[in-house]
Amino acid sequence: MQIKYSKSAVKAIHSFDQATKLRIKYGIEGLIKIPPRGDIKIIQGSNQSLFRLRIGKYRVLYEYINNNGEEIIMIKDIGSRGDIYK
Protein backbone atom coordinates (compact mmCIF):
# COMPACT_ATOMS: atom_id res chain seq x y z
CA MET A 1 0.00 0.00 0.00
CA GLN A 2 1.28 3.42 -0.94
CA ILE A 3 0.54 6.90 0.44
CA LYS A 4 0.31 9.95 -1.84
CA TYR A 5 -0.34 13.58 -0.89
CA SER A 6 -2.19 16.35 -2.70
CA LYS A 7 -0.58 19.77 -3.01
CA SER A 8 -2.89 21.23 -0.36
CA ALA A 9 -1.97 18.43 2.09
CA VAL A 10 1.76 19.03 1.57
CA LYS A 11 1.27 22.76 2.07
CA ALA A 12 -0.66 22.14 5.31
CA ILE A 13 2.02 19.78 6.65
CA HIS A 14 4.76 22.33 6.02
CA SER A 15 2.84 24.95 7.98
CA PHE A 16 2.77 22.89 11.21
CA ASP A 17 5.39 22.85 13.96
CA GLN A 18 7.67 19.80 14.31
CA ALA A 19 5.66 18.09 17.10
CA THR A 20 2.41 18.38 15.12
CA LYS A 21 4.12 17.08 11.97
CA LEU A 22 5.26 13.97 13.85
CA ARG A 23 1.78 13.32 15.30
CA ILE A 24 0.22 13.62 11.85
CA LYS A 25 2.92 11.41 10.31
CA TYR A 26 2.31 8.64 12.86
CA GLY A 27 -1.44 8.95 12.39
CA ILE A 28 -1.18 8.62 8.61
CA GLU A 29 1.20 5.67 8.91
CA GLY A 30 -1.46 3.97 11.05
CA LEU A 31 -3.74 3.92 7.98
CA ILE A 32 -1.48 1.32 6.35
CA LYS A 33 -2.06 -1.18 9.18
CA ILE A 34 -4.73 -3.84 8.86
CA PRO A 35 -7.15 -2.88 10.32
CA PRO A 36 -6.34 0.85 10.10
CA ARG A 37 -5.57 2.52 13.42
CA GLY A 38 -7.13 5.75 14.59
CA ASP A 39 -10.44 7.54 14.88
CA ILE A 40 -11.72 7.03 11.33
CA LYS A 41 -15.15 7.83 9.93
CA ILE A 42 -16.73 8.04 6.49
CA ILE A 43 -17.53 11.63 5.46
CA GLN A 44 -21.33 12.05 5.33
CA GLY A 45 -22.86 13.47 2.17
CA SER A 46 -19.91 12.63 -0.08
CA ASN A 47 -19.00 9.64 -2.15
CA GLN A 48 -18.42 6.54 -0.03
CA SER A 49 -14.65 6.57 -0.57
CA LEU A 50 -13.84 9.77 1.38
CA PHE A 51 -12.77 9.27 4.99
CA ARG A 52 -11.51 11.43 7.83
CA LEU A 53 -8.87 10.63 10.44
CA ARG A 54 -8.96 12.58 13.70
CA ILE A 55 -5.59 13.50 15.19
CA GLY A 56 -6.26 15.78 18.16
CA LYS A 57 -7.78 19.00 16.85
CA TYR A 58 -6.69 18.22 13.28
CA ARG A 59 -8.47 16.21 10.60
CA VAL A 60 -6.93 14.31 7.69
CA LEU A 61 -9.22 13.76 4.71
CA TYR A 62 -8.25 10.82 2.54
CA GLU A 63 -9.57 8.21 0.15
CA TYR A 64 -8.58 4.77 -1.04
CA ILE A 65 -7.74 4.46 -4.74
CA ASN A 66 -7.19 1.21 -6.62
CA ASN A 67 -4.71 1.78 -9.45
CA ASN A 68 -4.21 -1.38 -11.53
CA GLY A 69 -4.42 -3.64 -8.49
CA GLU A 70 -2.21 -1.40 -6.33
CA GLU A 71 -3.95 0.24 -3.38
CA ILE A 72 -3.12 3.91 -2.82
CA ILE A 73 -4.14 6.10 0.11
CA MET A 74 -4.58 9.61 -1.29
CA ILE A 75 -4.32 12.30 1.40
CA LYS A 76 -6.63 15.04 0.13
CA ASP A 77 -6.35 17.72 2.83
CA ILE A 78 -5.24 18.35 6.40
CA GLY A 79 -6.55 21.09 8.67
CA SER A 80 -8.14 22.06 11.96
CA ARG A 81 -11.52 20.57 12.75
CA GLY A 82 -13.42 23.83 12.22
CA ASP A 83 -11.98 24.68 8.82
CA ILE A 84 -11.44 21.37 7.06
CA TYR A 85 -15.10 20.65 6.21
CA LYS A 86 -15.81 24.04 4.59
PDB file of N, CA and C in Angstrom:
ATOM      1  N   MET A   1       0.849  -1.179   0.000  1.00  0.00           N
ATOM      2  CA  MET A   1       0.000   0.000   0.000  1.00  0.00           C
ATOM      3  C   MET A   1       0.895   1.243   0.000  1.00  0.00           C
ATOM      4  N   GLN A   2       0.484   2.216  -0.751  1.00  0.00           N
ATOM      5  CA  GLN A   2       1.282   3.424  -0.939  1.00  0.00           C
ATOM      6  C   GLN A   2       0.481   4.642  -0.490  1.00  0.00           C
ATOM      7  N   ILE A   3       1.181   5.659   0.008  1.00  0.00           N
ATOM      8  CA  ILE A   3       0.538   6.902   0.437  1.00  0.00           C
ATOM      9  C   ILE A   3       0.984   8.029  -0.489  1.00  0.00           C
ATOM     10  N   LYS A   4       0.020   8.780  -1.017  1.00  0.00           N
ATOM     11  CA  LYS A   4       0.313   9.952  -1.840  1.00  0.00           C
ATOM     12  C   LYS A   4      -0.392  11.155  -1.240  1.00  0.00           C
ATOM     13  N   TYR A   5       0.179  12.344  -1.469  1.00  0.00           N
ATOM     14  CA  TYR A   5      -0.335  13.577  -0.887  1.00  0.00           C
ATOM     15  C   TYR A   5      -0.710  14.563  -1.984  1.00  0.00           C
ATOM     16  N   SER A   6      -1.827  15.265  -1.789  1.00  0.00           N
ATOM     17  CA  SER A   6      -2.186  16.349  -2.700  1.00  0.00           C
ATOM     18  C   SER A   6      -1.339  17.575  -2.364  1.00  0.00           C
ATOM     19  N   LYS A   7      -1.347  18.556  -3.252  1.00  0.00           N
ATOM     20  CA  LYS A   7      -0.579  19.775  -3.012  1.00  0.00           C
ATOM     21  C   LYS A   7      -1.049  20.502  -1.758  1.00  0.00           C
ATOM     22  N   SER A   8      -2.366  20.533  -1.533  1.00  0.00           N
ATOM     23  CA  SER A   8      -2.885  21.231  -0.356  1.00  0.00           C
ATOM     24  C   SER A   8      -2.486  20.505   0.936  1.00  0.00           C
ATOM     25  N   ALA A   9      -2.394  19.180   0.903  1.00  0.00           N
ATOM     26  CA  ALA A   9      -1.968  18.431   2.092  1.00  0.00           C
ATOM     27  C   ALA A   9      -0.503  18.697   2.396  1.00  0.00           C
ATOM     28  N   VAL A  10       0.336  18.743   1.375  1.00  0.00           N
ATOM     29  CA  VAL A  10       1.763  19.027   1.569  1.00  0.00           C
ATOM     30  C   VAL A  10       1.944  20.437   2.125  1.00  0.00           C
ATOM     31  N   LYS A  11       1.185  21.377   1.589  1.00  0.00           N
ATOM     32  CA  LYS A  11       1.269  22.765   2.066  1.00  0.00           C
ATOM     33  C   LYS A  11       0.860  22.855   3.536  1.00  0.00           C
ATOM     34  N   ALA A  12      -0.196  22.128   3.915  1.00  0.00           N
ATOM     35  CA  ALA A  12      -0.657  22.136   5.308  1.00  0.00           C
ATOM     36  C   ALA A  12       0.392  21.526   6.233  1.00  0.00           C
ATOM     37  N   ILE A  13       1.004  20.431   5.822  1.00  0.00           N
ATOM     38  CA  ILE A  13       2.020  19.777   6.653  1.00  0.00           C
ATOM     39  C   ILE A  13       3.199  20.703   6.888  1.00  0.00           C
ATOM     40  N   HIS A  14       3.623  21.416   5.871  1.00  0.00           N
ATOM     41  CA  HIS A  14       4.760  22.327   6.017  1.00  0.00           C
ATOM     42  C   HIS A  14       4.458  23.503   6.937  1.00  0.00           C
ATOM     43  N   SER A  15       3.187  23.812   7.131  1.00  0.00           N
ATOM     44  CA  SER A  15       2.840  24.954   7.981  1.00  0.00           C
ATOM     45  C   SER A  15       2.814  24.603   9.470  1.00  0.00           C
ATOM     46  N   PHE A  16       2.840  23.311   9.809  1.00  0.00           N
ATOM     47  CA  PHE A  16       2.773  22.887  11.210  1.00  0.00           C
ATOM     48  C   PHE A  16       4.147  22.900  11.865  1.00  0.00           C
ATOM     49  N   ASP A  17       4.132  22.963  13.216  1.00  0.00           N
ATOM     50  CA  ASP A  17       5.390  22.846  13.959  1.00  0.00           C
ATOM     51  C   ASP A  17       5.844  21.385  13.960  1.00  0.00           C
ATOM     52  N   GLN A  18       7.075  21.136  14.405  1.00  0.00           N
ATOM     53  CA  GLN A  18       7.675  19.805  14.313  1.00  0.00           C
ATOM     54  C   GLN A  18       6.879  18.748  15.086  1.00  0.00           C
ATOM     55  N   ALA A  19       6.412  19.073  16.285  1.00  0.00           N
ATOM     56  CA  ALA A  19       5.664  18.094  17.097  1.00  0.00           C
ATOM     57  C   ALA A  19       4.357  17.697  16.403  1.00  0.00           C
ATOM     58  N   THR A  20       3.663  18.663  15.821  1.00  0.00           N
ATOM     59  CA  THR A  20       2.411  18.375  15.122  1.00  0.00           C
ATOM     60  C   THR A  20       2.677  17.556  13.869  1.00  0.00           C
ATOM     61  N   LYS A  21       3.752  17.866  13.150  1.00  0.00           N
ATOM     62  CA  LYS A  21       4.118  17.083  11.966  1.00  0.00           C
ATOM     63  C   LYS A  21       4.321  15.622  12.326  1.00  0.00           C
ATOM     64  N   LEU A  22       5.009  15.354  13.435  1.00  0.00           N
ATOM     65  CA  LEU A  22       5.260  13.971  13.848  1.00  0.00           C
ATOM     66  C   LEU A  22       3.962  13.258  14.219  1.00  0.00           C
ATOM     67  N   ARG A  23       3.062  13.933  14.941  1.00  0.00           N
ATOM     68  CA  ARG A  23       1.781  13.322  15.303  1.00  0.00           C
ATOM     69  C   ARG A  23       0.974  12.973  14.055  1.00  0.00           C
ATOM     70  N   ILE A  24       0.961  13.863  13.083  1.00  0.00           N
ATOM     71  CA  ILE A  24       0.215  13.616  11.848  1.00  0.00           C
ATOM     72  C   ILE A  24       0.873  12.487  11.059  1.00  0.00           C
ATOM     73  N   LYS A  25       2.204  12.478  11.024  1.00  0.00           N
ATOM     74  CA  LYS A  25       2.922  11.415  10.314  1.00  0.00           C
ATOM     75  C   LYS A  25       2.588  10.043  10.897  1.00  0.00           C
ATOM     76  N   TYR A  26       2.629   9.911  12.216  1.00  0.00           N
ATOM     77  CA  TYR A  26       2.314   8.635  12.855  1.00  0.00           C
ATOM     78  C   TYR A  26       0.852   8.255  12.645  1.00  0.00           C
ATOM     79  N   GLY A  27      -0.030   9.232  12.646  1.00  0.00           N
ATOM     80  CA  GLY A  27      -1.444   8.954  12.389  1.00  0.00           C
ATOM     81  C   GLY A  27      -1.678   8.434  10.990  1.00  0.00           C
ATOM     82  N   ILE A  28      -1.027   9.052  10.007  1.00  0.00           N
ATOM     83  CA  ILE A  28      -1.181   8.625   8.612  1.00  0.00           C
ATOM     84  C   ILE A  28      -0.556   7.250   8.407  1.00  0.00           C
ATOM     85  N   GLU A  29       0.580   6.986   9.038  1.00  0.00           N
ATOM     86  CA  GLU A  29       1.203   5.668   8.914  1.00  0.00           C
ATOM     87  C   GLU A  29       0.314   4.577   9.503  1.00  0.00           C
ATOM     88  N   GLY A  30      -0.531   4.927  10.478  1.00  0.00           N
ATOM     89  CA  GLY A  30      -1.465   3.966  11.049  1.00  0.00           C
ATOM     90  C   GLY A  30      -2.539   3.521  10.069  1.00  0.00           C
ATOM     91  N   LEU A  31      -2.752   4.290   8.992  1.00  0.00           N
ATOM     92  CA  LEU A  31      -3.739   3.919   7.979  1.00  0.00           C
ATOM     93  C   LEU A  31      -3.298   2.712   7.163  1.00  0.00           C
ATOM     94  N   ILE A  32      -1.995   2.446   7.125  1.00  0.00           N
ATOM     95  CA  ILE A  32      -1.476   1.320   6.349  1.00  0.00           C
ATOM     96  C   ILE A  32      -1.740  -0.002   7.065  1.00  0.00           C
ATOM     97  N   LYS A  33      -1.839   0.034   8.391  1.00  0.00           N
ATOM     98  CA  LYS A  33      -2.059  -1.177   9.179  1.00  0.00           C
ATOM     99  C   LYS A  33      -3.393  -1.825   8.814  1.00  0.00           C
ATOM    100  N   ILE A  34      -3.479  -3.115   9.083  1.00  0.00           N
ATOM    101  CA  ILE A  34      -4.731  -3.842   8.865  1.00  0.00           C
ATOM    102  C   ILE A  34      -5.169  -4.399  10.194  1.00  0.00           C
ATOM    103  N   PRO A  35      -6.276  -3.976  10.761  1.00  0.00           N
ATOM    104  CA  PRO A  35      -7.147  -2.879  10.321  1.00  0.00           C
ATOM    105  C   PRO A  35      -6.504  -1.521  10.597  1.00  0.00           C
ATOM    106  N   PRO A  36      -6.933  -0.482   9.887  1.00  0.00           N
ATOM    107  CA  PRO A  36      -6.343   0.846  10.102  1.00  0.00           C
ATOM    108  C   PRO A  36      -6.529   1.315  11.540  1.00  0.00           C
ATOM    109  N   ARG A  37      -5.511   1.990  12.061  1.00  0.00           N
ATOM    110  CA  ARG A  37      -5.566   2.522  13.424  1.00  0.00           C
ATOM    111  C   ARG A  37      -6.024   3.969  13.399  1.00  0.00           C
ATOM    112  N   GLY A  38      -6.743   4.349  14.447  1.00  0.00           N
ATOM    113  CA  GLY A  38      -7.129   5.750  14.590  1.00  0.00           C
ATOM    114  C   GLY A  38      -8.627   5.933  14.615  1.00  0.00           C
ATOM    115  N   ASP A  39      -9.023   7.168  14.858  1.00  0.00           N
ATOM    116  CA  ASP A  39     -10.438   7.543  14.880  1.00  0.00           C
ATOM    117  C   ASP A  39     -10.838   7.885  13.454  1.00  0.00           C
ATOM    118  N   ILE A  40     -11.417   6.910  12.756  1.00  0.00           N
ATOM    119  CA  ILE A  40     -11.719   7.034  11.332  1.00  0.00           C
ATOM    120  C   ILE A  40     -13.227   6.962  11.129  1.00  0.00           C
ATOM    121  N   LYS A  41     -13.732   7.854  10.285  1.00  0.00           N
ATOM    122  CA  LYS A  41     -15.150   7.834   9.927  1.00  0.00           C
ATOM    123  C   LYS A  41     -15.298   8.171   8.450  1.00  0.00           C
ATOM    124  N   ILE A  42     -16.392   7.685   7.872  1.00  0.00           N
ATOM    125  CA  ILE A  42     -16.727   8.043   6.489  1.00  0.00           C
ATOM    126  C   ILE A  42     -17.353   9.438   6.513  1.00  0.00           C
ATOM    127  N   ILE A  43     -16.978  10.282   5.554  1.00  0.00           N
ATOM    128  CA  ILE A  43     -17.535  11.630   5.460  1.00  0.00           C
ATOM    129  C   ILE A  43     -18.973  11.525   4.948  1.00  0.00           C
ATOM    130  N   GLN A  44     -19.916  12.065   5.707  1.00  0.00           N
ATOM    131  CA  GLN A  44     -21.327  12.047   5.330  1.00  0.00           C
ATOM    132  C   GLN A  44     -21.571  12.998   4.160  1.00  0.00           C
ATOM    133  N   GLY A  45     -22.454  12.598   3.254  1.00  0.00           N
ATOM    134  CA  GLY A  45     -22.863  13.473   2.166  1.00  0.00           C
ATOM    135  C   GLY A  45     -21.888  13.512   1.011  1.00  0.00           C
ATOM    136  N   SER A  46     -20.866  12.678   1.032  1.00  0.00           N
ATOM    137  CA  SER A  46     -19.915  12.635  -0.085  1.00  0.00           C
ATOM    138  C   SER A  46     -19.938  11.227  -0.654  1.00  0.00           C
ATOM    139  N   ASN A  47     -19.095  11.002  -1.636  1.00  0.00           N
ATOM    140  CA  ASN A  47     -19.005   9.642  -2.147  1.00  0.00           C
ATOM    141  C   ASN A  47     -18.486   8.730  -1.032  1.00  0.00           C
ATOM    142  N   GLN A  48     -18.722   7.474  -1.119  1.00  0.00           N
ATOM    143  CA  GLN A  48     -18.415   6.543  -0.032  1.00  0.00           C
ATOM    144  C   GLN A  48     -16.928   6.262   0.133  1.00  0.00           C
ATOM    145  N   SER A  49     -16.079   6.859  -0.677  1.00  0.00           N
ATOM    146  CA  SER A  49     -14.649   6.565  -0.569  1.00  0.00           C
ATOM    147  C   SER A  49     -13.871   7.641   0.187  1.00  0.00           C
ATOM    148  N   LEU A  50     -14.533   8.691   0.676  1.00  0.00           N
ATOM    149  CA  LEU A  50     -13.843   9.767   1.376  1.00  0.00           C
ATOM    150  C   LEU A  50     -13.974   9.560   2.882  1.00  0.00           C
ATOM    151  N   PHE A  51     -12.828   9.523   3.562  1.00  0.00           N
ATOM    152  CA  PHE A  51     -12.773   9.269   4.994  1.00  0.00           C
ATOM    153  C   PHE A  51     -12.087  10.423   5.697  1.00  0.00           C
ATOM    154  N   ARG A  52     -12.249  10.459   7.033  1.00  0.00           N
ATOM    155  CA  ARG A  52     -11.509  11.426   7.833  1.00  0.00           C
ATOM    156  C   ARG A  52     -10.847  10.690   8.986  1.00  0.00           C
ATOM    157  N   LEU A  53      -9.638  11.138   9.311  1.00  0.00           N
ATOM    158  CA  LEU A  53      -8.871  10.625  10.440  1.00  0.00           C
ATOM    159  C   LEU A  53      -8.707  11.774  11.414  1.00  0.00           C
ATOM    160  N   ARG A  54      -9.092  11.543  12.679  1.00  0.00           N
ATOM    161  CA  ARG A  54      -8.958  12.584  13.696  1.00  0.00           C
ATOM    162  C   ARG A  54      -7.633  12.406  14.416  1.00  0.00           C
ATOM    163  N   ILE A  55      -6.848  13.477  14.456  1.00  0.00           N
ATOM    164  CA  ILE A  55      -5.589  13.503  15.191  1.00  0.00           C
ATOM    165  C   ILE A  55      -5.628  14.767  16.049  1.00  0.00           C
ATOM    166  N   GLY A  56      -6.102  14.617  17.287  1.00  0.00           N
ATOM    167  CA  GLY A  56      -6.263  15.776  18.163  1.00  0.00           C
ATOM    168  C   GLY A  56      -7.261  16.743  17.577  1.00  0.00           C
ATOM    169  N   LYS A  57      -6.858  18.002  17.419  1.00  0.00           N
ATOM    170  CA  LYS A  57      -7.777  19.002  16.850  1.00  0.00           C
ATOM    171  C   LYS A  57      -7.670  19.085  15.332  1.00  0.00           C
ATOM    172  N   TYR A  58      -6.866  18.219  14.730  1.00  0.00           N
ATOM    173  CA  TYR A  58      -6.693  18.225  13.277  1.00  0.00           C
ATOM    174  C   TYR A  58      -7.428  17.055  12.637  1.00  0.00           C
ATOM    175  N   ARG A  59      -7.799  17.244  11.372  1.00  0.00           N
ATOM    176  CA  ARG A  59      -8.467  16.207  10.602  1.00  0.00           C
ATOM    177  C   ARG A  59      -7.692  15.979   9.314  1.00  0.00           C
ATOM    178  N   VAL A  60      -7.567  14.707   8.945  1.00  0.00           N
ATOM    179  CA  VAL A  60      -6.927  14.314   7.692  1.00  0.00           C
ATOM    180  C   VAL A  60      -8.014  13.706   6.814  1.00  0.00           C
ATOM    181  N   LEU A  61      -8.259  14.298   5.659  1.00  0.00           N
ATOM    182  CA  LEU A  61      -9.225  13.764   4.707  1.00  0.00           C
ATOM    183  C   LEU A  61      -8.477  12.939   3.679  1.00  0.00           C
ATOM    184  N   TYR A  62      -8.956  11.707   3.465  1.00  0.00           N
ATOM    185  CA  TYR A  62      -8.254  10.819   2.538  1.00  0.00           C
ATOM    186  C   TYR A  62      -9.245   9.881   1.868  1.00  0.00           C
ATOM    187  N   GLU A  63      -8.767   9.218   0.818  1.00  0.00           N
ATOM    188  CA  GLU A  63      -9.575   8.212   0.150  1.00  0.00           C
ATOM    189  C   GLU A  63      -8.673   7.085  -0.341  1.00  0.00           C
ATOM    190  N   TYR A  64      -9.285   5.929  -0.508  1.00  0.00           N
ATOM    191  CA  TYR A  64      -8.582   4.769  -1.043  1.00  0.00           C
ATOM    192  C   TYR A  64      -8.785   4.735  -2.550  1.00  0.00           C
ATOM    193  N   ILE A  65      -7.694   4.539  -3.292  1.00  0.00           N
ATOM    194  CA  ILE A  65      -7.744   4.464  -4.744  1.00  0.00           C
ATOM    195  C   ILE A  65      -7.106   3.148  -5.163  1.00  0.00           C
ATOM    196  N   ASN A  66      -7.750   2.442  -6.088  1.00  0.00           N
ATOM    197  CA  ASN A  66      -7.193   1.206  -6.622  1.00  0.00           C
ATOM    198  C   ASN A  66      -6.664   1.498  -8.018  1.00  0.00           C
ATOM    199  N   ASN A  67      -5.355   1.450  -8.184  1.00  0.00           N
ATOM    200  CA  ASN A  67      -4.710   1.777  -9.447  1.00  0.00           C
ATOM    201  C   ASN A  67      -4.045   0.521  -9.999  1.00  0.00           C
ATOM    202  N   ASN A  68      -4.727  -0.162 -10.917  1.00  0.00           N
ATOM    203  CA  ASN A  68      -4.208  -1.385 -11.534  1.00  0.00           C
ATOM    204  C   ASN A  68      -3.807  -2.425 -10.495  1.00  0.00           C
ATOM    205  N   GLY A  69      -4.673  -2.645  -9.518  1.00  0.00           N
ATOM    206  CA  GLY A  69      -4.418  -3.645  -8.493  1.00  0.00           C
ATOM    207  C   GLY A  69      -3.580  -3.159  -7.325  1.00  0.00           C
ATOM    208  N   GLU A  70      -3.005  -1.968  -7.417  1.00  0.00           N
ATOM    209  CA  GLU A  70      -2.206  -1.405  -6.327  1.00  0.00           C
ATOM    210  C   GLU A  70      -3.081  -0.434  -5.535  1.00  0.00           C
ATOM    211  N   GLU A  71      -3.155  -0.645  -4.219  1.00  0.00           N
ATOM    212  CA  GLU A  71      -3.949   0.245  -3.383  1.00  0.00           C
ATOM    213  C   GLU A  71      -3.134   1.474  -2.998  1.00  0.00           C
ATOM    214  N   ILE A  72      -3.762   2.635  -3.145  1.00  0.00           N
ATOM    215  CA  ILE A  72      -3.125   3.914  -2.822  1.00  0.00           C
ATOM    216  C   ILE A  72      -4.029   4.650  -1.840  1.00  0.00           C
ATOM    217  N   ILE A  73      -3.421   5.208  -0.801  1.00  0.00           N
ATOM    218  CA  ILE A  73      -4.138   6.101   0.105  1.00  0.00           C
ATOM    219  C   ILE A  73      -3.789   7.515  -0.328  1.00  0.00           C
ATOM    220  N   MET A  74      -4.785   8.244  -0.824  1.00  0.00           N
ATOM    221  CA  MET A  74      -4.580   9.611  -1.290  1.00  0.00           C
ATOM    222  C   MET A  74      -5.008  10.577  -0.199  1.00  0.00           C
ATOM    223  N   ILE A  75      -4.044  11.302   0.373  1.00  0.00           N
ATOM    224  CA  ILE A  75      -4.317  12.300   1.403  1.00  0.00           C
ATOM    225  C   ILE A  75      -4.774  13.566   0.684  1.00  0.00           C
ATOM    226  N   LYS A  76      -6.047  13.905   0.851  1.00  0.00           N
ATOM    227  CA  LYS A  76      -6.634  15.042   0.134  1.00  0.00           C
ATOM    228  C   LYS A  76      -6.331  16.378   0.800  1.00  0.00           C
ATOM    229  N   ASP A  77      -6.527  16.452   2.132  1.00  0.00           N
ATOM    230  CA  ASP A  77      -6.347  17.717   2.827  1.00  0.00           C
ATOM    231  C   ASP A  77      -6.143  17.467   4.315  1.00  0.00           C
ATOM    232  N   ILE A  78      -5.491  18.411   4.972  1.00  0.00           N
ATOM    233  CA  ILE A  78      -5.238  18.353   6.405  1.00  0.00           C
ATOM    234  C   ILE A  78      -5.521  19.741   6.964  1.00  0.00           C
ATOM    235  N   GLY A  79      -6.254  19.799   8.073  1.00  0.00           N
ATOM    236  CA  GLY A  79      -6.549  21.089   8.669  1.00  0.00           C
ATOM    237  C   GLY A  79      -7.201  20.945  10.024  1.00  0.00           C
ATOM    238  N   SER A  80      -7.480  22.081  10.657  1.00  0.00           N
ATOM    239  CA  SER A  80      -8.135  22.056  11.958  1.00  0.00           C
ATOM    240  C   SER A  80      -9.582  21.647  11.786  1.00  0.00           C
ATOM    241  N   ARG A  81     -10.184  21.160  12.843  1.00  0.00           N
ATOM    242  CA  ARG A  81     -11.517  20.572  12.746  1.00  0.00           C
ATOM    243  C   ARG A  81     -12.578  21.562  12.304  1.00  0.00           C
ATOM    244  N   GLY A  82     -12.414  22.842  12.599  1.00  0.00           N
ATOM    245  CA  GLY A  82     -13.416  23.827  12.223  1.00  0.00           C
ATOM    246  C   GLY A  82     -13.344  24.257  10.777  1.00  0.00           C
ATOM    247  N   ASP A  83     -12.181  24.156  10.186  1.00  0.00           N
ATOM    248  CA  ASP A  83     -11.984  24.680   8.824  1.00  0.00           C
ATOM    249  C   ASP A  83     -11.962  23.615   7.741  1.00  0.00           C
ATOM    250  N   ILE A  84     -11.696  22.386   8.075  1.00  0.00           N
ATOM    251  CA  ILE A  84     -11.443  21.367   7.064  1.00  0.00           C
ATOM    252  C   ILE A  84     -12.703  20.995   6.274  1.00  0.00           C
ATOM    253  N   TYR A  85     -13.873  21.100   6.864  1.00  0.00           N
ATOM    254  CA  TYR A  85     -15.099  20.646   6.206  1.00  0.00           C
ATOM    255  C   TYR A  85     -15.760  21.726   5.359  1.00  0.00           C
ATOM    256  N   LYS A  86     -15.209  22.933   5.344  1.00  0.00           N
ATOM    257  CA  LYS A  86     -15.812  24.041   4.585  1.00  0.00           C
ATOM    258  C   LYS A  86     -15.444  23.972   3.129  1.00  0.00           C
TER     259      LYS A  86
END
